[in-house]
Protein backbone atom coordinates (compact mmCIF):
# COMPACT_ATOMS: atom_id res chain seq x y z
CA MET A 1 -63.72 43.50 8.09
CA LYS A 2 -61.93 40.20 8.17
CA LYS A 3 -62.35 37.73 5.36
CA PHE A 4 -61.80 34.02 5.92
CA ILE A 5 -61.19 31.54 3.14
CA SER A 6 -60.90 27.76 3.42
CA PHE A 7 -59.50 25.75 0.53
CA VAL A 8 -57.28 22.82 -0.40
CA LEU A 9 -54.27 22.93 -2.71
CA VAL A 10 -53.34 19.71 -4.47
CA ALA A 11 -49.60 19.74 -5.10
CA VAL A 12 -47.27 17.40 -6.91
CA PHE A 13 -43.52 17.78 -6.29
CA VAL A 14 -40.80 16.25 -8.37
CA GLY A 15 -37.46 16.36 -6.64
CA THR A 16 -34.53 14.37 -5.39
CA PRO A 17 -34.42 11.51 -4.87
CA MET A 18 -38.05 10.61 -5.62
CA ALA A 19 -41.31 12.28 -6.62
CA PHE A 20 -43.98 12.87 -3.99
CA ALA A 21 -47.53 14.16 -3.96
CA GLY A 22 -49.56 15.68 -1.20
CA LEU A 23 -52.14 18.18 -0.04
CA PHE A 24 -51.51 21.65 1.30
CA LYS A 25 -54.60 22.50 3.40
CA VAL A 26 -55.32 26.10 4.32
CA ASP A 27 -58.02 26.48 7.00
CA SER A 28 -59.60 29.76 8.07
CA LEU A 29 -57.16 31.90 6.17
CA ASP A 30 -57.27 35.40 7.57
CA VAL A 31 -56.14 37.48 4.62
CA ALA A 32 -55.36 40.31 6.99
CA GLN A 33 -52.65 38.19 8.71
CA PRO A 34 -49.15 38.06 7.16
CA ASN A 35 -48.37 34.48 8.33
CA PRO A 36 -51.37 32.19 7.89
CA THR A 37 -51.14 28.54 8.99
CA ILE A 38 -50.71 26.09 6.12
CA ASP A 39 -50.54 22.35 6.77
CA TYR A 40 -49.10 19.62 4.56
CA LEU A 41 -50.63 16.13 4.45
CA SER A 42 -48.75 13.30 2.78
CA PRO A 43 -50.82 10.82 0.73
CA LEU A 44 -49.03 7.90 2.39
CA THR A 45 -51.15 5.64 4.61
CA GLY A 46 -51.04 6.68 8.24
CA ALA A 47 -49.38 10.04 7.54
CA ALA A 48 -50.07 12.99 9.79
CA SER A 49 -50.23 16.60 8.70
CA ARG A 50 -47.50 19.07 9.53
CA THR A 51 -46.72 22.68 8.73
CA TYR A 52 -45.33 23.63 5.37
CA GLU A 53 -42.29 25.12 7.16
CA SER A 54 -41.54 21.66 8.54
CA LYS A 55 -42.02 20.05 5.13
CA PHE A 56 -39.74 22.40 3.23
CA SER A 57 -37.02 22.31 5.91
CA ASP A 58 -36.33 18.63 5.16
CA VAL A 59 -34.00 19.55 2.29
CA VAL A 60 -32.36 22.90 1.70
CA ASN A 61 -31.45 24.12 -1.78
CA VAL A 62 -28.69 26.71 -2.09
CA MET A 63 -30.78 28.52 -4.72
CA ASP A 64 -33.21 29.46 -1.93
CA PHE A 65 -30.62 31.88 -0.56
CA PRO A 66 -29.66 35.25 -2.01
CA GLY A 67 -26.44 35.58 -3.91
CA CYS A 68 -26.35 32.15 -5.58
CA ASP A 69 -25.35 32.23 -9.22
CA LYS A 70 -25.18 28.89 -10.98
CA THR A 71 -23.76 30.49 -14.13
CA GLY A 72 -20.47 31.11 -12.32
CA ALA A 73 -20.43 34.79 -13.30
CA THR A 74 -20.61 36.18 -9.74
CA ASP A 75 -19.47 35.18 -6.27
CA SER A 76 -21.68 32.56 -4.55
CA THR A 77 -19.79 32.47 -1.23
CA SER A 78 -22.46 34.26 0.80
CA CYS A 79 -25.34 32.03 -0.29
CA PHE A 80 -23.45 28.81 0.52
CA VAL A 81 -22.48 30.18 3.93
CA ALA A 82 -26.10 31.21 4.53
CA ALA A 83 -27.37 27.76 3.51
CA LEU A 84 -24.99 26.03 5.92
CA ASN A 85 -25.81 28.44 8.74
CA SER A 86 -29.51 27.81 8.25
CA LEU A 87 -29.18 24.17 9.32
CA PRO A 88 -30.46 23.19 12.78
CA ALA A 89 -28.21 21.59 15.40
CA THR A 90 -29.03 18.15 14.00
CA GLY A 91 -27.81 19.16 10.53
CA GLY A 92 -29.51 18.43 7.24
CA THR A 93 -29.16 18.07 3.49
CA ILE A 94 -28.28 20.88 1.09
CA ASN A 95 -28.99 20.27 -2.58
CA ILE A 96 -26.80 21.98 -5.14
CA PRO A 97 -28.23 21.97 -8.67
CA ALA A 98 -26.28 21.53 -11.88
CA GLY A 99 -24.25 24.58 -12.75
CA LYS A 100 -21.01 26.34 -11.91
CA PHE A 101 -20.72 28.20 -8.60
CA THR A 102 -17.78 30.56 -8.21
CA PHE A 103 -16.25 31.45 -4.82
CA ASN A 104 -13.94 34.38 -4.20
CA SER A 105 -13.03 33.12 -0.73
CA ALA A 106 -13.12 29.92 1.34
CA VAL A 107 -16.44 28.53 2.53
CA ALA A 108 -15.99 27.65 6.21
CA TYR A 109 -18.56 26.03 8.49
CA THR A 110 -18.29 25.07 12.17
CA TYR A 111 -20.77 22.52 13.50
CA ILE A 112 -23.16 23.61 16.24
CA GLY A 113 -24.57 20.26 17.44
CA THR A 114 -22.75 17.27 18.94
CA ASN A 115 -24.72 14.84 16.72
CA GLU A 116 -24.92 17.10 13.70
CA SER A 117 -24.63 15.59 10.22
CA VAL A 118 -24.32 17.69 7.06
CA THR A 119 -24.92 16.42 3.53
CA LEU A 120 -24.00 18.32 0.38
CA ARG A 121 -25.48 16.71 -2.72
CA GLY A 122 -24.87 17.84 -6.28
CA ALA A 123 -26.30 16.75 -9.62
CA GLY A 124 -23.18 14.84 -10.68
CA SER A 125 -19.44 15.22 -10.97
CA ASP A 126 -18.73 18.00 -13.49
CA ALA A 127 -22.46 18.77 -13.61
CA THR A 128 -22.32 20.58 -10.28
CA ILE A 129 -19.03 22.51 -10.18
CA LEU A 130 -17.75 24.42 -7.15
CA ASP A 131 -14.95 26.66 -8.43
CA TRP A 132 -12.37 28.63 -6.43
CA PRO A 133 -10.27 30.68 -8.88
CA ALA A 134 -7.85 31.71 -6.09
CA GLY A 135 -7.73 28.32 -4.29
CA ASN A 136 -8.63 27.62 -0.63
CA GLY A 137 -11.91 25.72 -0.98
CA MET A 138 -14.30 24.47 1.70
CA GLU A 139 -13.64 23.68 5.39
CA PHE A 140 -15.79 21.88 7.95
CA THR A 141 -14.84 22.07 11.64
CA LEU A 142 -16.27 19.23 13.73
CA ILE A 143 -16.88 19.71 17.45
CA SER A 144 -17.70 16.08 18.28
CA GLN A 145 -16.66 12.61 17.18
CA PHE A 146 -20.38 12.06 16.49
CA ASN A 147 -20.44 14.76 13.81
CA SER A 148 -20.41 13.53 10.23
CA PHE A 149 -20.36 14.89 6.71
CA HIS A 150 -21.48 13.48 3.37
CA LEU A 151 -20.35 14.89 0.02
CA ALA A 152 -21.83 13.51 -3.18
CA ASP A 153 -21.88 14.09 -6.92
CA MET A 154 -19.98 17.33 -7.53
CA SER A 155 -16.58 18.72 -8.53
CA TYR A 156 -14.25 20.89 -6.47
CA GLN A 157 -12.02 22.77 -8.86
CA THR A 158 -9.39 25.49 -8.56
CA GLY A 159 -7.98 28.11 -10.89
CA SER A 160 -4.67 28.35 -9.00
CA VAL A 161 -1.46 26.38 -8.70
CA ASN A 162 -0.82 24.59 -5.40
CA VAL A 163 -3.02 26.82 -3.20
CA GLY A 164 -5.01 25.32 -0.32
CA SER A 165 -7.25 22.26 -0.07
CA GLY A 166 -10.36 21.50 -2.07
CA PHE A 167 -12.11 20.22 1.05
CA GLY A 168 -10.74 20.15 4.58
CA VAL A 169 -12.21 18.62 7.72
CA TYR A 170 -10.90 19.33 11.22
CA GLN A 171 -11.80 17.42 14.38
CA THR A 172 -11.74 19.74 17.44
CA GLN A 173 -13.69 17.86 20.11
CA ALA A 174 -12.84 19.37 23.50
CA GLY A 175 -10.27 17.23 25.34
CA GLY A 176 -9.50 15.08 22.29
CA VAL A 177 -11.17 11.89 21.07
CA PRO A 178 -10.63 9.01 23.54
CA ASN A 179 -11.86 6.26 21.21
CA PRO A 180 -11.87 7.40 17.56
CA ALA A 181 -13.11 4.00 16.37
CA LEU A 182 -16.52 5.00 17.73
CA ALA A 183 -16.78 8.07 15.49
CA ALA A 184 -19.82 8.64 13.29
CA GLN A 185 -19.31 7.53 9.68
CA SER A 186 -18.71 10.10 6.95
CA ASP A 187 -18.37 9.56 3.22
CA ILE A 188 -17.36 11.19 -0.04
CA THR A 189 -19.00 9.66 -3.11
CA GLY A 190 -18.73 10.58 -6.77
CA VAL A 191 -16.66 13.72 -6.10
CA THR A 192 -13.89 15.03 -8.38
CA PHE A 193 -11.03 17.34 -7.38
CA ARG A 194 -9.15 19.02 -10.25
CA GLY A 195 -8.07 22.26 -11.88
CA SER A 196 -10.53 24.47 -13.72
CA ASP A 197 -8.48 24.00 -16.90
CA GLY A 198 -9.07 20.23 -17.07
CA TYR A 199 -7.83 16.91 -15.77
CA GLY A 200 -4.13 16.76 -14.90
CA ALA A 201 -3.55 20.16 -16.49
CA SER A 202 -1.89 23.33 -15.13
CA TYR A 203 -4.05 24.11 -12.07
CA TYR A 204 -4.28 21.88 -9.00
CA TRP A 205 -4.92 21.91 -5.27
CA THR A 206 -2.13 21.63 -2.69
CA ASN A 207 -4.32 18.86 -1.23
CA ALA A 208 -7.49 17.70 -2.91
CA PHE A 209 -8.85 16.50 0.45
CA TYR A 210 -7.29 17.22 3.84
CA ASP A 211 -8.26 15.47 7.07
CA SER A 212 -6.99 16.60 10.46
CA GLY A 213 -8.03 14.16 13.15
CA ALA A 214 -11.42 13.04 11.80
CA SER A 215 -12.08 9.30 11.68
CA ASN A 216 -14.28 6.75 9.94
CA ILE A 217 -14.41 8.20 6.42
CA ASN A 218 -15.30 6.27 3.26
CA PHE A 219 -14.02 7.42 -0.14
CA VAL A 220 -16.03 5.89 -3.00
CA ASN A 221 -15.68 6.76 -6.69
CA VAL A 222 -13.51 9.76 -5.82
CA SER A 223 -11.21 11.27 -8.46
CA ALA A 224 -8.32 13.62 -7.73
CA TYR A 225 -5.94 15.08 -10.29
CA GLY A 226 -2.72 17.05 -9.85
CA GLY A 227 -0.62 18.73 -12.52
CA ALA A 228 2.91 19.84 -13.47
CA GLN A 229 3.87 16.69 -15.36
CA VAL A 230 7.35 15.87 -16.67
CA GLY A 231 7.66 12.96 -19.09
CA GLY A 232 4.08 11.90 -18.44
CA TYR A 233 4.49 11.78 -14.64
CA ALA A 234 3.79 14.25 -11.85
CA THR A 235 6.57 15.96 -9.92
CA ALA A 236 7.07 16.25 -6.17
CA THR A 237 5.19 19.59 -6.27
CA SER A 238 2.15 18.45 -8.25
CA GLY A 239 -0.22 18.49 -5.26
CA ASN A 240 -1.47 15.64 -3.08
CA GLY A 241 -4.67 13.64 -3.38
CA ILE A 242 -6.02 12.51 0.00
CA VAL A 243 -4.01 13.71 3.03
CA LEU A 244 -4.69 12.03 6.37
CA GLN A 245 -3.11 13.64 9.42
CA GLY A 246 -3.56 13.38 13.18
CA THR A 247 -2.11 13.99 16.63
CA SER A 248 -1.91 11.93 19.80
CA SER A 249 -5.18 13.56 20.97
CA TYR A 250 -6.96 13.21 17.62
CA ILE A 251 -5.91 9.84 16.17
CA PRO A 252 -7.54 9.34 12.76
CA VAL A 253 -8.63 5.74 12.18
CA GLN A 254 -10.74 3.66 9.78
CA PHE A 255 -10.58 4.87 6.19
CA ASN A 256 -11.96 2.87 3.30
CA PHE A 257 -11.02 3.70 -0.30
CA VAL A 258 -13.05 1.92 -2.99
CA ASN A 259 -13.02 2.49 -6.76
CA ASN A 260 -11.00 5.71 -6.65
CA THR A 261 -8.82 7.36 -9.31
CA LEU A 262 -5.86 9.35 -7.94
CA GLN A 263 -3.67 10.55 -10.80
CA TYR A 264 -0.80 12.92 -11.61
CA LEU A 265 -0.20 13.78 -7.96
CA ALA A 266 2.86 14.12 -5.77
CA ALA A 267 1.21 11.48 -3.56
CA GLY A 268 -2.16 9.83 -4.15
CA ILE A 269 -2.70 9.02 -0.46
CA TYR A 270 -0.51 10.75 2.14
CA TYR A 271 -0.24 8.66 5.33
CA GLY A 272 0.46 11.22 8.08
CA ASP A 273 1.01 11.08 11.84
CA TYR A 274 -1.05 8.61 13.88
CA VAL A 275 -3.08 7.36 10.91
CA GLN A 276 -4.36 3.81 11.37
CA GLY A 277 -6.65 1.38 9.60
CA VAL A 278 -6.49 2.39 5.92
CA ALA A 279 -8.01 -0.07 3.41
CA VAL A 280 -7.58 0.59 -0.32
CA SER A 281 -9.26 -1.58 -2.96
CA ASN A 282 -9.95 -1.46 -6.70
CA SER A 283 -8.32 1.94 -7.11
CA ASN A 284 -6.00 3.41 -9.72
CA PHE A 285 -2.80 5.38 -9.08
CA THR A 286 -1.42 6.50 -12.44
CA GLY A 287 1.09 9.18 -13.40
CA SER A 288 1.86 10.19 -9.81
CA GLN A 289 5.25 10.45 -8.13
CA ILE A 290 4.15 8.08 -5.35
CA GLY A 291 0.86 6.23 -5.08
CA ILE A 292 0.64 5.74 -1.30
CA PHE A 293 3.26 7.55 0.82
CA ALA A 294 4.20 7.39 4.50
CA PRO A 295 6.99 9.99 4.80
CA GLY A 296 9.88 9.84 7.27
CA SER A 297 9.72 10.99 10.90
CA GLU A 298 6.02 10.11 11.27
CA THR A 299 4.60 8.63 14.48
CA GLY A 300 2.05 5.98 15.39
CA LEU A 301 1.25 4.54 11.95
CA ASP A 302 -0.55 1.21 11.75
CA GLN A 303 -2.62 -1.07 9.50
CA LEU A 304 -2.46 -0.48 5.76
CA TYR A 305 -4.22 -2.86 3.37
CA VAL A 306 -4.00 -2.44 -0.41
CA GLY A 307 -5.73 -4.91 -2.72
CA GLY A 308 -6.85 -5.19 -6.33
CA SER A 309 -5.38 -1.82 -7.31
CA GLN A 310 -3.11 -0.59 -10.10
CA PHE A 311 0.01 1.57 -9.82
CA ASN A 312 2.12 3.32 -12.45
CA CYS A 313 4.19 5.88 -10.56
CA ALA A 314 7.42 7.72 -11.34
CA SER A 315 9.13 6.90 -8.02
CA ASP A 316 7.22 4.29 -5.98
CA GLY A 317 3.80 2.66 -6.08
CA ILE A 318 3.79 2.24 -2.30
CA ARG A 319 6.54 3.85 -0.20
CA GLU A 320 7.00 3.77 3.56
CA ASP A 321 9.83 5.87 4.99
CA THR A 322 8.22 5.48 8.39
CA PHE A 323 7.16 1.93 9.14
CA VAL A 324 3.45 1.21 9.02
CA LEU A 325 2.87 -1.81 11.23
CA ASN A 326 0.87 -4.56 9.55
CA THR A 327 1.18 -3.49 5.93
CA MET A 328 -0.52 -5.84 3.48
CA ALA A 329 -0.37 -5.56 -0.33
CA VAL A 330 -2.35 -8.33 -2.00
CA GLY A 331 -3.29 -8.89 -5.64
CA ASN A 332 -2.13 -5.54 -7.05
CA PHE A 333 -0.58 -4.66 -10.41
CA PHE A 334 2.55 -2.48 -10.51
CA LEU A 335 4.06 -0.93 -13.63
CA THR A 336 7.60 0.32 -12.99
CA PRO A 337 9.03 3.07 -15.20
CA SER A 338 12.80 3.69 -15.20
CA SER A 339 14.36 4.29 -11.77
CA ALA A 340 11.11 3.35 -10.04
CA ASN A 341 10.01 0.72 -7.52
CA GLY A 342 6.73 -1.10 -7.16
CA ILE A 343 6.76 -1.42 -3.36
CA ASN A 344 9.48 0.37 -1.36
CA LEU A 345 9.38 -0.23 2.39
CA GLN A 346 12.41 1.65 3.69
CA SER A 347 11.19 1.03 7.22
CA ALA A 348 8.88 -1.92 7.63
CA SER A 349 7.56 -4.29 10.28
CA LEU A 350 5.11 -7.20 10.13
CA PHE A 351 4.34 -6.87 6.44
CA SER A 352 2.82 -9.33 3.99
CA LEU A 353 3.30 -8.85 0.23
CA SER A 354 1.62 -11.55 -1.85
CA GLY A 355 -0.10 -12.19 -5.16
CA ASN A 356 1.16 -8.96 -6.78
CA THR A 357 2.39 -8.58 -10.37
CA PHE A 358 5.33 -6.36 -11.32
CA ASN A 359 5.94 -5.42 -14.97
CA PRO A 360 8.12 -2.74 -16.58
CA ALA A 361 6.39 0.33 -18.03
CA GLY A 362 7.90 -0.04 -21.50
CA ALA A 363 11.66 -0.01 -22.11
CA THR A 364 13.01 0.71 -18.64
CA SER A 365 16.17 0.55 -16.55
CA ASN A 366 17.07 0.54 -12.87
CA THR A 367 13.74 -0.82 -11.69
CA SER A 368 12.88 -2.90 -8.64
CA GLY A 369 9.69 -4.79 -7.86
CA ILE A 370 10.02 -4.90 -4.06
CA VAL A 371 12.62 -3.04 -1.97
CA ILE A 372 12.95 -3.72 1.77
CA GLY A 373 15.08 -1.52 4.02
CA ALA A 374 15.81 -1.70 7.75
CA PRO A 375 13.02 -2.90 10.03
CA GLY A 376 10.92 -0.78 12.33
CA ALA A 377 10.27 -1.64 15.96
CA LEU A 378 9.16 -5.22 15.26
CA PRO A 379 10.37 -8.03 12.96
CA GLN A 380 9.90 -7.76 9.22
CA GLY A 381 7.61 -9.93 7.12
CA ILE A 382 6.88 -12.25 4.24
CA ILE A 383 7.09 -11.97 0.43
CA GLY A 384 5.44 -14.73 -1.61
CA SER A 385 3.34 -15.77 -4.60
CA ASN A 386 4.26 -12.64 -6.56
CA SER A 387 5.14 -12.46 -10.27
CA PHE A 388 8.15 -10.40 -11.40
CA TYR A 389 8.90 -9.70 -15.05
CA GLY A 390 11.60 -7.57 -16.68
CA GLN A 391 12.89 -5.94 -13.49
CA THR A 392 16.48 -4.87 -12.91
CA THR A 393 16.12 -6.37 -9.42
CA ALA A 394 12.92 -8.23 -8.62
CA ILE A 395 13.41 -8.36 -4.83
CA TRP A 396 16.05 -6.18 -3.18
CA LEU A 397 16.74 -6.76 0.52
CA GLN A 398 18.92 -3.80 1.40
CA ALA A 399 21.62 -3.54 4.07
CA GLY A 400 19.92 -3.53 7.46
CA SER A 401 17.03 -5.73 6.39
CA THR A 402 16.52 -8.78 8.56
CA GLY A 403 13.89 -11.40 9.22
CA VAL A 404 12.42 -11.24 5.71
CA ASN A 405 10.95 -14.56 4.63
CA ILE A 406 10.82 -14.98 0.84
CA GLN A 407 8.47 -17.75 -0.17
CA PRO A 408 8.02 -19.10 -3.73
CA ASN A 409 7.55 -16.41 -6.39
CA VAL A 410 7.58 -16.40 -10.19
CA PHE A 411 10.60 -14.75 -11.87
CA ASN A 412 10.91 -14.11 -15.60
CA GLY A 413 13.38 -11.96 -17.50
CA ASN A 414 14.82 -10.11 -14.52
CA ALA A 415 18.48 -9.10 -14.42
CA THR A 416 18.61 -10.17 -10.75
CA ASN A 417 15.83 -12.09 -9.09
CA VAL A 418 16.82 -11.62 -5.45
CA LEU A 419 19.58 -9.41 -4.07
CA ASP A 420 20.10 -9.91 -0.35
CA GLN A 421 22.40 -7.40 1.35
CA GLY A 422 20.86 -7.86 4.80
CA THR A 423 21.34 -10.42 7.56
CA GLY A 424 19.13 -13.23 8.80
CA ASN A 425 16.80 -13.23 5.80
CA ILE A 426 15.36 -16.51 4.54
CA ASN A 427 14.84 -17.27 0.87
CA ALA A 428 12.82 -20.30 -0.18
CA SER A 429 11.75 -18.85 -3.51
CA THR A 430 11.87 -21.06 -6.62
CA GLY A 431 14.38 -19.83 -9.13
CA ALA A 432 15.96 -17.24 -6.88
CA ALA A 433 19.52 -16.15 -7.64
CA GLY A 434 21.96 -13.95 -5.77
CA SER A 435 23.61 -14.13 -2.35
CA PHE A 436 21.69 -15.27 0.69
CA ASN A 437 22.55 -15.13 4.35
CA ALA A 438 20.33 -17.99 5.45
CA LEU A 439 19.21 -20.54 2.86
CA ASN A 440 19.69 -20.71 -0.90
CA LEU A 441 17.31 -23.17 -2.53
CA SER A 442 17.62 -23.01 -6.31
CA GLY A 443 15.38 -25.90 -7.32
CA ALA A 444 12.07 -27.52 -6.46
CA PHE A 445 11.44 -27.51 -2.74
CA LEU A 446 9.18 -29.76 -0.72
CA ASP A 447 8.79 -29.53 3.03
CA THR A 448 6.76 -32.47 4.31
CA GLY A 449 6.94 -31.36 7.92
CA THR A 450 9.47 -33.99 9.04
CA GLN A 451 11.93 -33.92 6.14
CA ILE A 452 13.17 -31.74 3.31
CA GLU A 453 13.33 -33.04 -0.24
CA TYR A 454 15.35 -30.90 -2.60
CA GLY A 455 15.69 -31.21 -6.37
CA SER A 456 13.47 -31.85 -9.35
CA LEU A 457 11.07 -34.80 -9.26
CA ALA A 458 10.43 -34.54 -13.00
CA SER A 459 13.86 -34.68 -14.69
CA PRO A 460 17.51 -35.52 -13.80
CA SER A 461 19.44 -32.65 -12.24
CA THR A 462 22.43 -31.87 -10.04
CA PRO A 463 20.94 -29.99 -7.10
CA TYR A 464 23.41 -28.38 -4.74
CA ILE A 465 23.57 -26.27 -1.63
CA ASP A 466 26.18 -23.51 -1.36
CA PHE A 467 27.46 -22.19 1.96
CA HIS A 468 28.87 -18.68 2.15
CA SER A 469 31.04 -18.13 5.21
CA SER A 470 33.93 -15.92 4.08
CA GLY A 471 31.95 -12.74 3.52
CA THR A 472 33.38 -12.44 0.02
CA GLY A 473 31.89 -12.66 -3.44
CA SER A 474 33.15 -16.22 -4.04
CA ASP A 475 30.71 -18.60 -5.71
CA GLU A 476 30.79 -20.76 -2.61
CA ASP A 477 33.02 -21.58 0.38
CA VAL A 478 31.57 -25.07 0.77
CA ARG A 479 29.30 -26.91 -1.66
CA LEU A 480 27.21 -30.05 -1.27
CA LEU A 481 26.30 -31.47 -4.68
CA ALA A 482 24.17 -34.49 -5.51
CA ALA A 483 24.34 -36.41 -8.81
CA GLY A 484 23.42 -39.76 -10.35
CA GLY A 485 21.18 -42.21 -8.59
CA SER A 486 18.26 -44.33 -9.73
CA ALA A 487 14.78 -45.32 -8.70
CA THR A 488 16.39 -47.19 -5.81
CA PRO A 489 16.94 -44.88 -2.82
CA GLY A 490 20.51 -44.05 -1.83
CA GLN A 491 22.29 -44.80 -5.12
CA GLY A 492 23.44 -41.24 -5.94
CA THR A 493 26.75 -39.54 -5.28
CA LEU A 494 27.21 -36.68 -2.82
CA THR A 495 30.24 -34.48 -3.49
CA VAL A 496 31.53 -32.12 -0.86
CA THR A 497 33.68 -29.28 -2.18
CA ALA A 498 35.67 -27.97 0.78
CA ALA A 499 39.26 -27.49 1.86
CA LEU A 500 38.71 -29.41 5.09
CA ILE A 501 35.99 -31.54 6.66
CA ASN A 502 36.12 -31.63 10.47
CA SER A 503 34.18 -33.97 12.73
CA THR A 504 34.00 -33.67 16.50
CA GLY A 505 32.80 -37.26 16.72
CA LYS A 506 33.55 -40.66 15.21
CA ILE A 507 32.85 -41.10 11.49
CA ALA A 508 31.21 -44.44 10.72
CA SER A 509 30.39 -46.00 7.35
CA GLY A 510 28.12 -48.90 6.55
CA ASN A 511 30.20 -49.62 3.44
CA VAL A 512 33.76 -49.30 2.16
CA LEU A 513 35.35 -45.97 3.15
CA GLY A 514 37.41 -44.78 0.19
CA THR A 515 40.34 -42.37 0.14
CA ALA A 516 42.51 -40.77 -2.52
CA VAL A 517 45.93 -42.38 -3.33
CA TYR A 518 49.14 -40.70 -4.48
CA THR A 519 52.66 -41.36 -5.61
CA VAL A 520 55.34 -40.48 -3.10
CA ALA A 521 56.30 -37.42 -5.14
CA THR A 522 52.70 -36.07 -5.20
CA LEU A 523 51.92 -36.50 -1.49
CA PRO A 524 50.45 -33.19 -0.22
CA GLY A 525 51.45 -31.41 2.93
CA GLY A 526 49.74 -32.86 5.95
CA THR A 527 48.61 -32.48 9.53
CA GLN A 528 49.64 -34.98 12.18
CA GLY A 529 47.33 -37.98 11.94
CA ASP A 530 46.41 -37.56 8.25
CA ARG A 531 46.16 -40.90 6.39
CA THR A 532 46.35 -41.90 2.73
CA ALA A 533 48.29 -44.38 0.56
CA VAL A 534 50.99 -44.37 -2.13
CA THR A 535 51.32 -46.73 -5.08
CA ASP A 536 55.07 -46.55 -5.83
CA ALA A 537 56.98 -47.22 -2.55
CA THR A 538 60.22 -49.20 -2.80
CA THR A 539 59.45 -50.80 0.57
CA CYS A 540 56.66 -50.45 3.12
CA THR A 541 57.89 -50.51 6.74
CA PHE A 542 55.75 -49.33 9.67
CA ASN A 543 56.77 -45.91 10.99
CA SER A 544 59.62 -45.64 8.49
CA GLY A 545 60.00 -43.14 5.71
CA VAL A 546 58.85 -44.05 2.24
CA THR A 547 60.80 -43.71 -1.00
CA GLY A 548 59.21 -43.57 -4.42
CA GLY A 549 60.20 -45.27 -7.63
CA GLY A 550 59.08 -48.76 -6.69
CA ALA A 551 55.89 -50.74 -7.25
CA THR A 552 54.77 -51.36 -3.67
CA PHE A 553 51.37 -50.16 -2.44
CA CYS A 554 51.82 -48.70 1.05
CA PRO A 555 49.38 -47.06 3.51
CA VAL A 556 51.01 -43.92 4.97
CA ILE A 557 50.39 -41.59 7.90
CA PHE A 558 51.71 -38.11 8.55
CA ASN A 559 53.61 -38.04 11.86
CA GLY A 560 53.75 -34.28 12.09
CA THR A 561 57.00 -34.01 10.14
CA ALA A 562 56.91 -36.51 7.30
CA TRP A 563 54.86 -39.26 5.70
CA VAL A 564 55.81 -42.72 7.06
CA GLY A 565 54.58 -46.24 6.52
CA GLY A 566 51.44 -46.82 8.47
């Protein structure tokens, strides 16, 4: 005999991210059937009922699958794999509660839908801990540029040294990605990558996060820590933070880094092949070997913006050994320990470095604020409105540099403000010192568009322009020096220090044209046509030799052999 029961269950659920209430309605329950129909009705106006299976499939919790242990005592690999494999082709959200989940092997998931999106959400960084004692963390393989992933509020930690990546994502769309800028947006928010023994301790990932060909990823409030410190700084084998890598078929573009902490790493951000469109703001790179690194022999790099961030790195804050076209560093703070550089562009094209501050990290030596090497495929760039304090060399333009335009900067307490070993560079920076291949302006500078005014407008000075033409270390080969003058224009004195002044045209003067005078005994050697005068000739006869010892003033000309009356 069949028994039928009809009743209503009133249920209140408290979950993430908000509480909800509703009715579970069971109609004509046949107790003899193993799968009765149960509908859920939301209390919201206009809501329609749906099955409880549909309701509970909105969000998956890993604890719903066998094998999950949030105490960390046993392996949770199987339950996480099962939770991921339970998602439909459109994807879904998997909640991970507070606790420690241990994995004895990597957790790998390959997407099944072309528009699939997967979200993993924890209860908070260091509240939800995913721990791989042997390294090799989690991998997502995307099959379409319209796949996306979202990681939030958890920690990926390892109990090994330099083994695998905390999280890796791989783009494998068949035939490549023709326009990666149109990829679906992914994000990592509030996630920490570190060793299981603490922050910047003994254990660390080879790469905290590794991207191969995936585009359009936002990193917000992400922390990554390496290890193996020497003297308070990471070594070259301390693990990388965020590694971006691509190929000509899978060009990774559009990465935004906001409010991140990347510390004690070999490289905070590793700028690999074909990476383009990286924007970094309000982030901290402390204790690493290099903050942002584009290594040599890379291909197709473009568009790096860094703003409002802080660097204190053992080798370089920003280093490009392969040129990244259109590099901009604006409004950053660089601390330079001994033998370190703030910005080091060994290969650079079309860069703009402005509004940055460079200070020494304590008592230091052999530091440089900005170092520029040889250019890449296109001309170099501009350096201006920066502040340099206590550097061994504030701006170093190395041999091979060319086309660098140095605009006004602030220099204070540097051993050398500007060292120019390149060719064709232009320096218009107030207070610059050193050797320059184009223009050396050592005082106030005003360009009104149709004229150049050079010298202080506030106090008397002796502004000068030095010309270097011999290729030696002489102070100058020719100098133009201005002195004196008054409020009336044109009353100063211009002194030219040179061995010879040549003119290919006529020299005219609107006033008396003066010349030096000699005694006959002190007349210098001459060139045919040279003119001067002596004050002690015995006689003065045109085209005749002159003899000293008299009191006659006599103009003289050099006829190619001797001085004669002229």
